[in-house]
Structures are given as structure tokens and as C-alpha cells.
């Protein structure tokens, strides 16, 4: 979920998929969003011969519904501010794999509530996806821990903290 641009690094995820599809040939990767790299990503999907498994969905309304239908969320960004899409995925209880860029590391505690991988490392990403797909117990554990972490950013928790900071700095 995100703009199809260099910063979101969908290419790393697409490059990881042939290895994942070897083990899980029925797996479908749905990429949501539009942007300047749509054609380049589509060309890479075709070149890797994974068009039956990797679908560029474009922009969708009610992304939460699509997240609820997913088994796993992968977020390969090169950089982030606050990663809203990752937060939304965690909030609905998706087990998550994310790059170890700033922003993502504020939400994902590696091997506690999700998995972090080195930015741009499609081989490691493929390995982590397969590992998580192979382990339903771990997916459940990360799902619960992800929801707990996401809840810590709810407005009723965050707003009083902001108010305290503002009041203490006046």
C-alpha cells in the first residue's frame, strides 16, 4: 500500500517474489497504489514471469477491507516519516515484514511484533516471507503484538502526551 515511487521500493518486493512463488505457487501479492513507476513495476513483473501472482491493483477505497483479507503485509520502503500504511496493517492485526528504515523501526520491534529486513535486500526479504508463511504460530504471535503496538498510537493515548509536551514548553 503506497505511492508507486522509488521511496516505497516496491521493486525489492517484486524481485523477492519468484523465490516465494516457487514454494507457494498459489500465492498472490496485491500492490495497492498508483504512481510514476507503475509501468516500470509492471514491466519487471512481466520480465520475471510472475504476472499470475503479482497484481498492481491501483488505488482502492476502503483499504482496510483489503487488509482484512490479507495474510501478511510487506512494507519495503527506503525511508518513511510515520508509516501510516504499516500502522494501519498492524492495527488490523496483520503480521508485518518491513525494511529497517526510519519510521518502520518506530513501529516494528524485530522478532517481537514483526520482522525487519535490510533495505533493498530482496533475497533476505524472500527468506523472511517464506519463513513467516511457514509458521502460523509466529504469524499469530506477531499479529497480536502488532495490534498492541498500533493501539499505543491511538489518539486517546497520543493526544494527552502531545498536550503535556506543549504545556511543559510554554
C-alpha atoms as a PDB file:
ATOM      1  CA  UNK A   1       0.000   0.000   0.000  1.00  0.00           C
ATOM      2  CA  UNK A   2       1.555   3.278  -1.094  1.00  0.00           C
ATOM      3  CA  UNK A   3       2.684   5.509  -3.911  1.00  0.00           C
ATOM      4  CA  UNK A   4       4.458   3.639  -6.672  1.00  0.00           C
ATOM      5  CA  UNK A   5       7.704   5.588  -6.419  1.00  0.00           C
ATOM      6  CA  UNK A   6      11.373   4.971  -5.629  1.00  0.00           C
ATOM      7  CA  UNK A   7      10.973   5.661  -1.918  1.00  0.00           C
ATOM      8  CA  UNK A   8       8.421   2.905  -1.377  1.00  0.00           C
ATOM      9  CA  UNK A   9      10.742   0.414  -3.123  1.00  0.00           C
ATOM     10  CA  UNK A  10       8.137  -1.996  -4.460  1.00  0.00           C
ATOM     11  CA  UNK A  11      10.859  -3.272  -6.807  1.00  0.00           C
ATOM     12  CA  UNK A  12      12.594  -5.046  -3.912  1.00  0.00           C
ATOM     13  CA  UNK A  13       9.349  -6.820  -3.061  1.00  0.00           C
ATOM     14  CA  UNK A  14       8.714  -7.775  -6.692  1.00  0.00           C
ATOM     15  CA  UNK A  15      12.274  -9.146  -7.004  1.00  0.00           C
ATOM     16  CA  UNK A  16      11.690 -11.276  -3.897  1.00  0.00           C
ATOM     17  CA  UNK A  17       8.580 -12.897  -5.290  1.00  0.00           C
ATOM     18  CA  UNK A  18       9.952 -15.532  -7.713  1.00  0.00           C
ATOM     19  CA  UNK A  19      11.610 -17.358  -4.804  1.00  0.00           C
ATOM     20  CA  UNK A  20       8.448 -17.110  -2.689  1.00  0.00           C
ATOM     21  CA  UNK A  21       6.265 -18.300  -5.569  1.00  0.00           C
ATOM     22  CA  UNK A  22       8.487 -21.374  -6.057  1.00  0.00           C
ATOM     23  CA  UNK A  23       7.415 -22.536  -2.608  1.00  0.00           C
ATOM     24  CA  UNK A  24       3.900 -21.057  -2.681  1.00  0.00           C
ATOM     25  CA  UNK A  25       2.749 -21.157  -6.325  1.00  0.00           C
ATOM     26  CA  UNK A  26      -0.818 -20.123  -5.462  1.00  0.00           C
ATOM     27  CA  UNK A  27       0.278 -17.041  -3.504  1.00  0.00           C
ATOM     28  CA  UNK A  28      -0.982 -13.660  -4.696  1.00  0.00           C
ATOM     29  CA  UNK A  29       0.738 -10.369  -3.999  1.00  0.00           C
ATOM     30  CA  UNK A  30      -1.579  -7.368  -4.274  1.00  0.00           C
ATOM     31  CA  UNK A  31       0.117  -3.982  -4.561  1.00  0.00           C
ATOM     32  CA  UNK A  32      -2.198  -1.016  -3.923  1.00  0.00           C
ATOM     33  CA  UNK A  33      -1.430   2.484  -5.124  1.00  0.00           C
ATOM     34  CA  UNK A  34      -0.541   4.471  -8.212  1.00  0.00           C
ATOM     35  CA  UNK A  35       2.467   6.490  -9.227  1.00  0.00           C
ATOM     36  CA  UNK A  36       5.240   7.230 -11.633  1.00  0.00           C
ATOM     37  CA  UNK A  37       6.778   3.731 -11.506  1.00  0.00           C
ATOM     38  CA  UNK A  38       3.642   1.774 -12.385  1.00  0.00           C
ATOM     39  CA  UNK A  39       4.814   0.856 -15.895  1.00  0.00           C
ATOM     40  CA  UNK A  40       8.343   0.021 -14.726  1.00  0.00           C
ATOM     41  CA  UNK A  41       6.973  -2.252 -12.000  1.00  0.00           C
ATOM     42  CA  UNK A  42       4.597  -3.890 -14.459  1.00  0.00           C
ATOM     43  CA  UNK A  43       7.485  -4.488 -16.872  1.00  0.00           C
ATOM     44  CA  UNK A  44       9.535  -6.108 -14.079  1.00  0.00           C
ATOM     45  CA  UNK A  45       6.604  -8.351 -13.126  1.00  0.00           C
ATOM     46  CA  UNK A  46       6.318  -9.467 -16.767  1.00  0.00           C
ATOM     47  CA  UNK A  47      10.085  -9.976 -17.101  1.00  0.00           C
ATOM     48  CA  UNK A  48      10.124 -12.197 -14.007  1.00  0.00           C
ATOM     49  CA  UNK A  49       7.108 -14.107 -15.371  1.00  0.00           C
ATOM     50  CA  UNK A  50       5.084 -13.638 -12.203  1.00  0.00           C
ATOM     51  CA  UNK A  51       2.067 -11.820 -13.689  1.00  0.00           C
ATOM     52  CA  UNK A  52      -0.305 -14.522 -12.430  1.00  0.00           C
ATOM     53  CA  UNK A  53       0.844 -13.928  -8.861  1.00  0.00           C
ATOM     54  CA  UNK A  54       1.630 -10.202  -8.596  1.00  0.00           C
ATOM     55  CA  UNK A  55      -1.202  -7.771  -9.232  1.00  0.00           C
ATOM     56  CA  UNK A  56      -0.917  -3.995  -9.403  1.00  0.00           C
ATOM     57  CA  UNK A  57      -4.340  -3.064  -8.039  1.00  0.00           C
ATOM     58  CA  UNK A  58      -4.197   0.705  -8.361  1.00  0.00           C
ATOM     59  CA  UNK A  59      -5.873   2.907  -5.780  1.00  0.00           C
ATOM     60  CA  UNK A  60      -8.757   1.415  -3.817  1.00  0.00           C
ATOM     61  CA  UNK A  61     -11.305   2.928  -1.485  1.00  0.00           C
ATOM     62  CA  UNK A  62     -11.672   1.308   1.930  1.00  0.00           C
ATOM     63  CA  UNK A  63      -8.166  -0.185   2.001  1.00  0.00           C
ATOM     64  CA  UNK A  64      -8.931  -1.586   5.450  1.00  0.00           C
ATOM     65  CA  UNK A  65     -11.228  -4.173   3.852  1.00  0.00           C
ATOM     66  CA  UNK A  66      -8.399  -5.385   1.621  1.00  0.00           C
ATOM     67  CA  UNK A  67      -6.027  -5.511   4.586  1.00  0.00           C
ATOM     68  CA  UNK A  68      -8.531  -7.647   6.496  1.00  0.00           C
ATOM     69  CA  UNK A  69      -8.499 -10.162   3.626  1.00  0.00           C
ATOM     70  CA  UNK A  70      -4.691 -10.432   3.602  1.00  0.00           C
ATOM     71  CA  UNK A  71      -2.478 -12.946   5.380  1.00  0.00           C
ATOM     72  CA  UNK A  72       0.667 -10.842   5.553  1.00  0.00           C
ATOM     73  CA  UNK A  73       1.806  -7.240   4.989  1.00  0.00           C
ATOM     74  CA  UNK A  74       5.181  -6.361   3.479  1.00  0.00           C
ATOM     75  CA  UNK A  75       6.485  -2.784   3.531  1.00  0.00           C
ATOM     76  CA  UNK A  76       9.857  -2.418   1.742  1.00  0.00           C
ATOM     77  CA  UNK A  77      10.321   1.382   1.919  1.00  0.00           C
ATOM     78  CA  UNK A  78      13.724   3.037   1.600  1.00  0.00           C
ATOM     79  CA  UNK A  79      12.608   5.778   4.017  1.00  0.00           C
ATOM     80  CA  UNK A  80       9.487   6.830   5.907  1.00  0.00           C
ATOM     81  CA  UNK A  81       8.216   9.560   8.170  1.00  0.00           C
ATOM     82  CA  UNK A  82       5.456   7.937  10.174  1.00  0.00           C
ATOM     83  CA  UNK A  83       4.491   4.863   8.112  1.00  0.00           C
ATOM     84  CA  UNK A  84       0.702   5.173   8.041  1.00  0.00           C
ATOM     85  CA  UNK A  85       0.138   2.120   5.835  1.00  0.00           C
ATOM     86  CA  UNK A  86       2.268  -0.040   8.131  1.00  0.00           C
ATOM     87  CA  UNK A  87       0.411   1.305  11.176  1.00  0.00           C
ATOM     88  CA  UNK A  88      -2.948   0.518   9.542  1.00  0.00           C
ATOM     89  CA  UNK A  89      -1.826  -3.039   8.731  1.00  0.00           C
ATOM     90  CA  UNK A  90      -0.638  -3.574  12.288  1.00  0.00           C
ATOM     91  CA  UNK A  91      -3.877  -2.132  13.677  1.00  0.00           C
ATOM     92  CA  UNK A  92      -5.954  -4.769  11.854  1.00  0.00           C
ATOM     93  CA  UNK A  93      -3.616  -7.489  13.113  1.00  0.00           C
ATOM     94  CA  UNK A  94      -1.598  -8.339  10.041  1.00  0.00           C
ATOM     95  CA  UNK A  95       1.774  -9.912  10.688  1.00  0.00           C
ATOM     96  CA  UNK A  96       4.250  -7.488   9.091  1.00  0.00           C
ATOM     97  CA  UNK A  97       7.637  -7.554   7.443  1.00  0.00           C
ATOM     98  CA  UNK A  98       9.204  -4.137   6.881  1.00  0.00           C
ATOM     99  CA  UNK A  99      12.514  -2.664   5.814  1.00  0.00           C
ATOM    100  CA  UNK A 100      14.694  -1.340   8.608  1.00  0.00           C
ATOM    101  CA  UNK A 101      14.325   2.312   7.596  1.00  0.00           C
ATOM    102  CA  UNK A 102      13.462   5.140   9.956  1.00  0.00           C
ATOM    103  CA  UNK A 103       9.757   5.242  10.663  1.00  0.00           C
ATOM    104  CA  UNK A 104       9.337   1.499  10.218  1.00  0.00           C
ATOM    105  CA  UNK A 105      11.718   0.897  13.114  1.00  0.00           C
ATOM    106  CA  UNK A 106       9.488   3.088  15.289  1.00  0.00           C
ATOM    107  CA  UNK A 107       6.690   0.553  14.877  1.00  0.00           C
ATOM    108  CA  UNK A 108       8.346  -2.805  14.293  1.00  0.00           C
ATOM    109  CA  UNK A 109      10.460  -4.313  17.044  1.00  0.00           C
ATOM    110  CA  UNK A 110      12.321  -7.036  15.147  1.00  0.00           C
ATOM    111  CA  UNK A 111      11.183 -10.544  16.098  1.00  0.00           C
ATOM    112  CA  UNK A 112       8.795  -9.167  18.730  1.00  0.00           C
ATOM    113  CA  UNK A 113       5.885  -7.693  16.776  1.00  0.00           C
ATOM    114  CA  UNK A 114       7.105  -8.220  13.218  1.00  0.00           C
ATOM    115  CA  UNK A 115      10.211  -8.682  11.128  1.00  0.00           C
ATOM    116  CA  UNK A 116      12.701  -6.115   9.867  1.00  0.00           C
ATOM    117  CA  UNK A 117      14.994  -6.692   6.891  1.00  0.00           C
ATOM    118  CA  UNK A 118      17.829  -4.649   5.393  1.00  0.00           C
ATOM    119  CA  UNK A 119      16.603  -2.010   2.929  1.00  0.00           C
ATOM    120  CA  UNK A 120      16.797  -3.330  -0.646  1.00  0.00           C
ATOM    121  CA  UNK A 121      17.765  -6.913   0.233  1.00  0.00           C
ATOM    122  CA  UNK A 122      15.295  -8.887  -1.882  1.00  0.00           C
ATOM    123  CA  UNK A 123      16.964 -12.232  -1.089  1.00  0.00           C
ATOM    124  CA  UNK A 124      16.554 -11.727   2.666  1.00  0.00           C
ATOM    125  CA  UNK A 125      13.016 -10.459   2.121  1.00  0.00           C
ATOM    126  CA  UNK A 126      12.101 -13.632   0.200  1.00  0.00           C
ATOM    127  CA  UNK A 127      13.586 -15.720   3.005  1.00  0.00           C
ATOM    128  CA  UNK A 128      11.610 -13.806   5.653  1.00  0.00           C
ATOM    129  CA  UNK A 129       8.325 -14.046   3.725  1.00  0.00           C
ATOM    130  CA  UNK A 130       8.726 -17.810   3.297  1.00  0.00           C
ATOM    131  CA  UNK A 131       9.719 -18.230   6.929  1.00  0.00           C
ATOM    132  CA  UNK A 132       6.647 -16.362   8.147  1.00  0.00           C
ATOM    133  CA  UNK A 133       4.300 -18.133   5.742  1.00  0.00           C
ATOM    134  CA  UNK A 134       5.697 -21.442   7.034  1.00  0.00           C
ATOM    135  CA  UNK A 135       4.935 -20.588  10.671  1.00  0.00           C
ATOM    136  CA  UNK A 136       1.286 -19.937  11.560  1.00  0.00           C
ATOM    137  CA  UNK A 137       2.080 -19.760  15.290  1.00  0.00           C
ATOM    138  CA  UNK A 138       4.573 -16.960  14.732  1.00  0.00           C
ATOM    139  CA  UNK A 139       2.123 -15.120  12.455  1.00  0.00           C
ATOM    140  CA  UNK A 140      -0.472 -15.194  15.243  1.00  0.00           C
ATOM    141  CA  UNK A 141       2.090 -14.014  17.788  1.00  0.00           C
ATOM    142  CA  UNK A 142       3.163 -11.094  15.576  1.00  0.00           C
ATOM    143  CA  UNK A 143      -0.460 -10.287  14.797  1.00  0.00           C
ATOM    144  CA  UNK A 144      -1.363  -9.832  18.464  1.00  0.00           C
ATOM    145  CA  UNK A 145       1.833  -7.931  19.253  1.00  0.00           C
ATOM    146  CA  UNK A 146       1.330  -5.694  16.198  1.00  0.00           C
ATOM    147  CA  UNK A 147      -2.191  -4.780  17.294  1.00  0.00           C
ATOM    148  CA  UNK A 148      -0.936  -3.920  20.756  1.00  0.00           C
ATOM    149  CA  UNK A 149       1.831  -1.693  19.360  1.00  0.00           C
ATOM    150  CA  UNK A 150      -0.545   0.018  16.918  1.00  0.00           C
ATOM    151  CA  UNK A 151      -3.007   0.710  19.737  1.00  0.00           C
ATOM    152  CA  UNK A 152      -0.295   2.610  21.589  1.00  0.00           C
ATOM    153  CA  UNK A 153      -0.631   5.293  18.885  1.00  0.00           C
ATOM    154  CA  UNK A 154      -4.398   5.743  19.281  1.00  0.00           C
ATOM    155  CA  UNK A 155      -5.470   9.400  19.622  1.00  0.00           C
ATOM    156  CA  UNK A 156      -6.731   8.968  23.186  1.00  0.00           C
ATOM    157  CA  UNK A 157      -3.214   7.894  24.161  1.00  0.00           C
ATOM    158  CA  UNK A 158      -1.166  10.207  21.929  1.00  0.00           C
ATOM    159  CA  UNK A 159      -3.126  13.476  22.323  1.00  0.00           C
ATOM    160  CA  UNK A 160      -2.595  13.769  26.087  1.00  0.00           C
ATOM    161  CA  UNK A 161       1.137  13.190  25.538  1.00  0.00           C
ATOM    162  CA  UNK A 162       1.272  15.971  22.932  1.00  0.00           C
ATOM    163  CA  UNK A 163      -0.696  18.274  25.206  1.00  0.00           C
ATOM    164  CA  UNK A 164       1.737  17.577  28.042  1.00  0.00           C
ATOM    165  CA  UNK A 165       4.715  18.391  25.803  1.00  0.00           C
ATOM    166  CA  UNK A 166       3.090  21.606  24.601  1.00  0.00           C
ATOM    167  CA  UNK A 167       2.127  22.732  28.112  1.00  0.00           C
ATOM    168  CA  UNK A 168       5.586  21.957  29.526  1.00  0.00           C
ATOM    169  CA  UNK A 169       7.287  24.005  26.830  1.00  0.00           C
ATOM    170  CA  UNK A 170       5.382  27.240  27.459  1.00  0.00           C
END
